[in-house]
């Protein structure tokens, strides 16, 4: 989800602890499992893994935040927590595929 919040590496780094704290405070029985940061194909990414209570059963989530065209972008991949062991490596690979062609990012090209 591309937000209207200004975002660059410094702002994301500053905002991320507040984001995680808000999720822990407001969310329904959320347990943060891990947090991290890395550069993927030249894109600075902050992420956290969590278990949260959904309507029917707990869910495992990988939430990641990065900058796109100077705006903060938030992604979330979710599966039932009982399938975490199976899907966690797949979610890691999905996050690792983040790649924004420089030309498209510079020109604001839309893939539609």
N, C-alpha and C. Protein backbone atom coordinates (compact mmCIF):
# COMPACT_ATOMS: atom_id res chain seq x y z
N UNK A 1 0.85 -1.15 0.00
CA UNK A 1 0.00 0.00 0.00
C UNK A 1 0.91 1.24 0.00
N UNK A 2 0.79 2.03 -1.02
CA UNK A 2 1.54 3.28 -1.10
C UNK A 2 0.77 4.33 -0.31
N UNK A 3 1.42 4.91 0.68
CA UNK A 3 0.76 5.91 1.53
C UNK A 3 1.10 7.31 1.05
N UNK A 4 0.53 8.29 1.68
CA UNK A 4 0.85 9.69 1.41
C UNK A 4 1.91 10.21 2.37
N UNK A 5 2.44 9.34 3.21
CA UNK A 5 3.45 9.71 4.20
C UNK A 5 4.80 9.81 3.51
N UNK A 6 5.46 10.96 3.68
CA UNK A 6 6.79 11.12 3.11
C UNK A 6 7.69 10.02 3.68
N UNK A 7 8.51 9.43 2.82
CA UNK A 7 9.35 8.34 3.30
C UNK A 7 10.69 8.27 2.59
N UNK A 8 11.72 8.22 3.38
CA UNK A 8 13.05 7.89 2.90
C UNK A 8 13.66 7.01 3.99
N UNK A 9 14.88 6.57 3.82
CA UNK A 9 15.49 5.66 4.77
C UNK A 9 15.47 6.22 6.20
N UNK A 10 15.83 7.48 6.36
CA UNK A 10 15.88 8.08 7.70
C UNK A 10 14.49 8.16 8.33
N UNK A 11 13.49 8.54 7.56
CA UNK A 11 12.13 8.66 8.11
C UNK A 11 11.55 7.29 8.46
N UNK A 12 11.82 6.31 7.60
CA UNK A 12 11.33 4.96 7.89
C UNK A 12 11.99 4.43 9.16
N UNK A 13 13.28 4.66 9.28
CA UNK A 13 14.03 4.22 10.47
C UNK A 13 13.45 4.87 11.73
N UNK A 14 13.10 6.15 11.64
CA UNK A 14 12.54 6.88 12.77
C UNK A 14 11.12 6.42 13.09
N UNK A 15 10.32 6.15 12.07
CA UNK A 15 8.91 5.82 12.24
C UNK A 15 8.70 4.36 12.68
N UNK A 16 9.58 3.46 12.26
CA UNK A 16 9.36 2.03 12.43
C UNK A 16 9.11 1.60 13.89
N UNK A 17 9.90 2.03 14.88
CA UNK A 17 9.61 1.61 16.26
C UNK A 17 8.21 2.04 16.73
N UNK A 18 7.76 3.20 16.30
CA UNK A 18 6.41 3.66 16.66
C UNK A 18 5.35 2.79 15.99
N UNK A 19 5.61 2.39 14.76
CA UNK A 19 4.69 1.52 14.03
C UNK A 19 4.55 0.18 14.76
N UNK A 20 5.67 -0.43 15.13
CA UNK A 20 5.64 -1.72 15.83
C UNK A 20 4.95 -1.57 17.18
N UNK A 21 5.25 -0.51 17.91
CA UNK A 21 4.62 -0.29 19.21
C UNK A 21 3.11 -0.10 19.07
N UNK A 22 2.69 0.63 18.06
CA UNK A 22 1.26 0.85 17.83
C UNK A 22 0.57 -0.47 17.52
N UNK A 23 1.18 -1.28 16.68
CA UNK A 23 0.60 -2.58 16.34
C UNK A 23 0.46 -3.44 17.60
N UNK A 24 1.48 -3.46 18.45
CA UNK A 24 1.43 -4.25 19.68
C UNK A 24 0.34 -3.73 20.62
N UNK A 25 0.18 -2.43 20.68
CA UNK A 25 -0.75 -1.81 21.62
C UNK A 25 -2.20 -1.92 21.16
N UNK A 26 -2.44 -1.70 19.88
CA UNK A 26 -3.80 -1.61 19.35
C UNK A 26 -4.33 -2.94 18.84
N UNK A 27 -3.46 -3.77 18.32
CA UNK A 27 -3.88 -5.00 17.66
C UNK A 27 -4.51 -6.02 18.60
N UNK A 28 -5.26 -6.94 18.02
CA UNK A 28 -5.91 -7.99 18.81
C UNK A 28 -4.93 -9.12 19.14
N UNK A 29 -4.43 -9.13 20.35
CA UNK A 29 -3.52 -10.19 20.80
C UNK A 29 -2.34 -10.41 19.86
N UNK A 30 -1.63 -9.35 19.54
CA UNK A 30 -0.50 -9.45 18.62
C UNK A 30 0.78 -9.72 19.39
N UNK A 31 1.55 -10.66 18.88
CA UNK A 31 2.85 -10.98 19.44
C UNK A 31 3.89 -10.77 18.35
N UNK A 32 4.80 -9.83 18.56
CA UNK A 32 5.87 -9.56 17.60
C UNK A 32 6.93 -10.64 17.80
N UNK A 33 7.25 -11.37 16.73
CA UNK A 33 8.22 -12.45 16.81
C UNK A 33 9.64 -11.96 16.53
N UNK A 34 9.77 -11.06 15.56
CA UNK A 34 11.09 -10.55 15.21
C UNK A 34 10.94 -9.28 14.39
N UNK A 35 12.00 -8.49 14.38
CA UNK A 35 12.06 -7.30 13.53
C UNK A 35 13.41 -7.31 12.84
N UNK A 36 13.50 -6.55 11.76
CA UNK A 36 14.77 -6.50 11.07
C UNK A 36 14.82 -5.40 10.05
N UNK A 37 15.99 -5.28 9.44
CA UNK A 37 16.18 -4.32 8.37
C UNK A 37 17.20 -4.89 7.41
N UNK A 38 17.05 -4.55 6.15
CA UNK A 38 17.98 -5.02 5.13
C UNK A 38 17.82 -4.17 3.88
N UNK A 39 18.79 -4.27 3.01
CA UNK A 39 18.72 -3.63 1.71
C UNK A 39 18.49 -4.72 0.68
N UNK A 40 17.40 -4.59 -0.07
CA UNK A 40 17.04 -5.56 -1.09
C UNK A 40 17.06 -4.87 -2.45
N UNK A 41 17.97 -5.28 -3.31
CA UNK A 41 18.11 -4.67 -4.64
C UNK A 41 18.19 -3.15 -4.55
N UNK A 42 18.93 -2.66 -3.56
CA UNK A 42 19.12 -1.22 -3.39
C UNK A 42 17.99 -0.51 -2.67
N UNK A 43 17.00 -1.26 -2.18
CA UNK A 43 15.85 -0.67 -1.48
C UNK A 43 15.99 -0.98 0.01
N UNK A 44 15.99 0.07 0.85
CA UNK A 44 16.07 -0.10 2.30
C UNK A 44 14.71 -0.55 2.81
N UNK A 45 14.67 -1.68 3.52
CA UNK A 45 13.42 -2.27 3.98
C UNK A 45 13.51 -2.54 5.48
N UNK A 46 12.47 -2.14 6.22
CA UNK A 46 12.29 -2.54 7.62
C UNK A 46 11.14 -3.52 7.65
N UNK A 47 11.20 -4.53 8.50
CA UNK A 47 10.15 -5.55 8.55
C UNK A 47 9.96 -6.08 9.97
N UNK A 48 8.78 -6.68 10.19
CA UNK A 48 8.55 -7.43 11.41
C UNK A 48 7.67 -8.63 11.11
N UNK A 49 7.86 -9.68 11.90
CA UNK A 49 7.02 -10.87 11.84
C UNK A 49 6.17 -10.88 13.09
N UNK A 50 4.91 -11.27 12.94
CA UNK A 50 4.01 -11.27 14.08
C UNK A 50 2.97 -12.37 13.97
N UNK A 51 2.42 -12.73 15.11
CA UNK A 51 1.26 -13.62 15.18
C UNK A 51 0.13 -12.74 15.72
N UNK A 52 -0.99 -12.76 15.02
CA UNK A 52 -2.14 -11.94 15.43
C UNK A 52 -3.41 -12.77 15.35
N UNK A 53 -4.34 -12.47 16.23
CA UNK A 53 -5.61 -13.18 16.22
C UNK A 53 -6.49 -12.62 15.11
N UNK A 54 -6.87 -13.46 14.17
CA UNK A 54 -7.82 -13.07 13.12
C UNK A 54 -9.21 -13.53 13.58
N UNK A 55 -10.20 -13.38 12.74
CA UNK A 55 -11.57 -13.72 13.13
C UNK A 55 -11.70 -15.19 13.50
N UNK A 56 -11.13 -16.06 12.67
CA UNK A 56 -11.33 -17.50 12.89
C UNK A 56 -10.17 -18.19 13.59
N UNK A 57 -8.94 -17.73 13.37
CA UNK A 57 -7.77 -18.37 13.96
C UNK A 57 -6.59 -17.40 13.92
N UNK A 58 -5.53 -17.69 14.66
CA UNK A 58 -4.36 -16.82 14.62
C UNK A 58 -3.72 -16.83 13.23
N UNK A 59 -3.12 -15.70 12.88
CA UNK A 59 -2.45 -15.61 11.58
C UNK A 59 -1.01 -15.15 11.78
N UNK A 60 -0.16 -15.63 10.88
CA UNK A 60 1.24 -15.23 10.86
C UNK A 60 1.38 -14.15 9.80
N UNK A 61 2.09 -13.08 10.12
CA UNK A 61 2.22 -11.95 9.20
C UNK A 61 3.65 -11.48 9.08
N UNK A 62 4.04 -11.16 7.88
CA UNK A 62 5.31 -10.48 7.61
C UNK A 62 4.91 -9.12 7.06
N UNK A 63 5.24 -8.08 7.82
CA UNK A 63 4.92 -6.71 7.43
C UNK A 63 6.24 -6.01 7.10
N UNK A 64 6.28 -5.35 5.94
CA UNK A 64 7.52 -4.68 5.56
C UNK A 64 7.21 -3.27 5.05
N UNK A 65 8.18 -2.37 5.26
CA UNK A 65 8.01 -0.95 4.96
C UNK A 65 9.22 -0.50 4.16
N UNK A 66 8.97 0.25 3.08
CA UNK A 66 10.05 0.80 2.28
C UNK A 66 9.58 2.07 1.59
N UNK A 67 10.50 2.77 0.95
CA UNK A 67 10.17 4.02 0.28
C UNK A 67 10.04 3.78 -1.23
N UNK A 68 9.01 4.37 -1.82
CA UNK A 68 8.80 4.32 -3.26
C UNK A 68 8.41 5.72 -3.72
N UNK A 69 9.20 6.29 -4.58
CA UNK A 69 8.94 7.65 -5.07
C UNK A 69 8.79 8.65 -3.93
N UNK A 70 9.59 8.47 -2.87
CA UNK A 70 9.56 9.40 -1.75
C UNK A 70 8.38 9.23 -0.81
N UNK A 71 7.59 8.18 -1.01
CA UNK A 71 6.43 7.90 -0.16
C UNK A 71 6.67 6.58 0.57
N UNK A 72 6.11 6.46 1.77
CA UNK A 72 6.21 5.24 2.54
C UNK A 72 5.26 4.20 1.96
N UNK A 73 5.78 3.01 1.75
CA UNK A 73 5.00 1.90 1.21
C UNK A 73 5.01 0.77 2.23
N UNK A 74 3.84 0.18 2.48
CA UNK A 74 3.71 -0.88 3.46
C UNK A 74 3.17 -2.13 2.76
N UNK A 75 3.84 -3.26 3.01
CA UNK A 75 3.38 -4.53 2.47
C UNK A 75 3.12 -5.50 3.60
N UNK A 76 2.18 -6.41 3.40
CA UNK A 76 1.86 -7.41 4.41
C UNK A 76 1.52 -8.72 3.71
N UNK A 77 2.18 -9.79 4.13
CA UNK A 77 1.89 -11.12 3.62
C UNK A 77 1.41 -11.94 4.81
N UNK A 78 0.30 -12.65 4.66
CA UNK A 78 -0.34 -13.33 5.78
C UNK A 78 -0.70 -14.77 5.43
N UNK A 79 -0.62 -15.64 6.44
CA UNK A 79 -1.13 -17.00 6.30
C UNK A 79 -1.60 -17.46 7.68
N UNK A 80 -2.40 -18.52 7.76
CA UNK A 80 -2.77 -19.05 9.07
C UNK A 80 -1.51 -19.44 9.85
N UNK A 81 -1.47 -19.14 11.14
CA UNK A 81 -0.25 -19.39 11.91
C UNK A 81 0.11 -20.88 11.95
N UNK A 82 -0.86 -21.75 11.80
CA UNK A 82 -0.56 -23.19 11.79
C UNK A 82 0.26 -23.58 10.57
N UNK A 83 0.31 -22.71 9.54
CA UNK A 83 1.09 -22.97 8.34
C UNK A 83 2.38 -22.15 8.29
N UNK A 84 2.72 -21.51 9.40
CA UNK A 84 3.90 -20.63 9.47
C UNK A 84 5.17 -21.32 9.02
N UNK A 85 5.43 -22.50 9.54
CA UNK A 85 6.68 -23.20 9.22
C UNK A 85 6.81 -23.43 7.71
N UNK A 86 5.71 -23.72 7.06
CA UNK A 86 5.72 -23.97 5.61
C UNK A 86 5.89 -22.68 4.81
N UNK A 87 5.17 -21.62 5.22
CA UNK A 87 5.12 -20.40 4.40
C UNK A 87 6.14 -19.32 4.77
N UNK A 88 6.74 -19.40 5.94
CA UNK A 88 7.71 -18.37 6.33
C UNK A 88 8.85 -18.24 5.31
N UNK A 89 9.47 -19.34 4.85
CA UNK A 89 10.53 -19.18 3.85
C UNK A 89 10.01 -18.62 2.52
N UNK A 90 8.79 -18.96 2.18
CA UNK A 90 8.20 -18.44 0.94
C UNK A 90 7.98 -16.94 1.06
N UNK A 91 7.51 -16.49 2.23
CA UNK A 91 7.31 -15.06 2.46
C UNK A 91 8.63 -14.31 2.40
N UNK A 92 9.69 -14.91 2.96
CA UNK A 92 11.03 -14.31 2.88
C UNK A 92 11.43 -14.12 1.41
N UNK A 93 11.24 -15.16 0.62
CA UNK A 93 11.58 -15.08 -0.80
C UNK A 93 10.75 -14.02 -1.51
N UNK A 94 9.47 -13.93 -1.15
CA UNK A 94 8.62 -12.90 -1.77
C UNK A 94 9.14 -11.51 -1.45
N UNK A 95 9.51 -11.28 -0.20
CA UNK A 95 10.04 -9.97 0.18
C UNK A 95 11.36 -9.71 -0.55
N UNK A 96 12.16 -10.75 -0.74
CA UNK A 96 13.45 -10.61 -1.42
C UNK A 96 13.30 -10.25 -2.90
N UNK A 97 12.11 -10.42 -3.45
CA UNK A 97 11.91 -10.10 -4.86
C UNK A 97 11.60 -8.62 -5.10
N UNK A 98 11.52 -7.83 -4.03
CA UNK A 98 11.29 -6.39 -4.21
C UNK A 98 12.33 -5.84 -5.17
N UNK A 99 11.88 -5.31 -6.26
CA UNK A 99 12.80 -4.76 -7.25
C UNK A 99 12.04 -3.71 -8.05
N UNK A 100 12.49 -2.49 -7.97
CA UNK A 100 11.84 -1.39 -8.68
C UNK A 100 12.81 -0.91 -9.74
N UNK A 101 12.50 -1.16 -11.01
CA UNK A 101 13.42 -0.71 -12.06
C UNK A 101 13.68 0.79 -11.93
N UNK A 102 14.95 1.17 -12.00
CA UNK A 102 15.32 2.58 -11.83
C UNK A 102 14.56 3.49 -12.79
N UNK A 103 14.46 3.10 -14.03
CA UNK A 103 13.78 3.94 -15.02
C UNK A 103 12.32 4.18 -14.62
N UNK A 104 11.63 3.12 -14.20
CA UNK A 104 10.24 3.25 -13.79
C UNK A 104 10.12 4.13 -12.55
N UNK A 105 11.03 3.95 -11.59
CA UNK A 105 10.98 4.76 -10.36
C UNK A 105 11.25 6.21 -10.65
N UNK A 106 12.21 6.49 -11.55
CA UNK A 106 12.57 7.86 -11.87
C UNK A 106 11.47 8.58 -12.66
N UNK A 107 10.82 7.84 -13.54
CA UNK A 107 9.81 8.44 -14.40
C UNK A 107 8.40 8.31 -13.85
N UNK A 108 8.24 7.55 -12.76
CA UNK A 108 6.91 7.36 -12.19
C UNK A 108 6.03 6.52 -13.11
N UNK A 109 6.64 5.58 -13.83
CA UNK A 109 5.89 4.75 -14.78
C UNK A 109 5.02 3.77 -14.01
N UNK A 110 3.78 3.61 -14.46
CA UNK A 110 2.84 2.69 -13.88
C UNK A 110 2.80 1.45 -14.76
N UNK A 111 2.74 0.26 -14.16
CA UNK A 111 2.72 -0.98 -14.93
C UNK A 111 1.34 -1.31 -15.49
N UNK A 112 0.35 -0.49 -15.31
CA UNK A 112 -1.01 -0.79 -15.76
C UNK A 112 -1.14 -0.61 -17.25
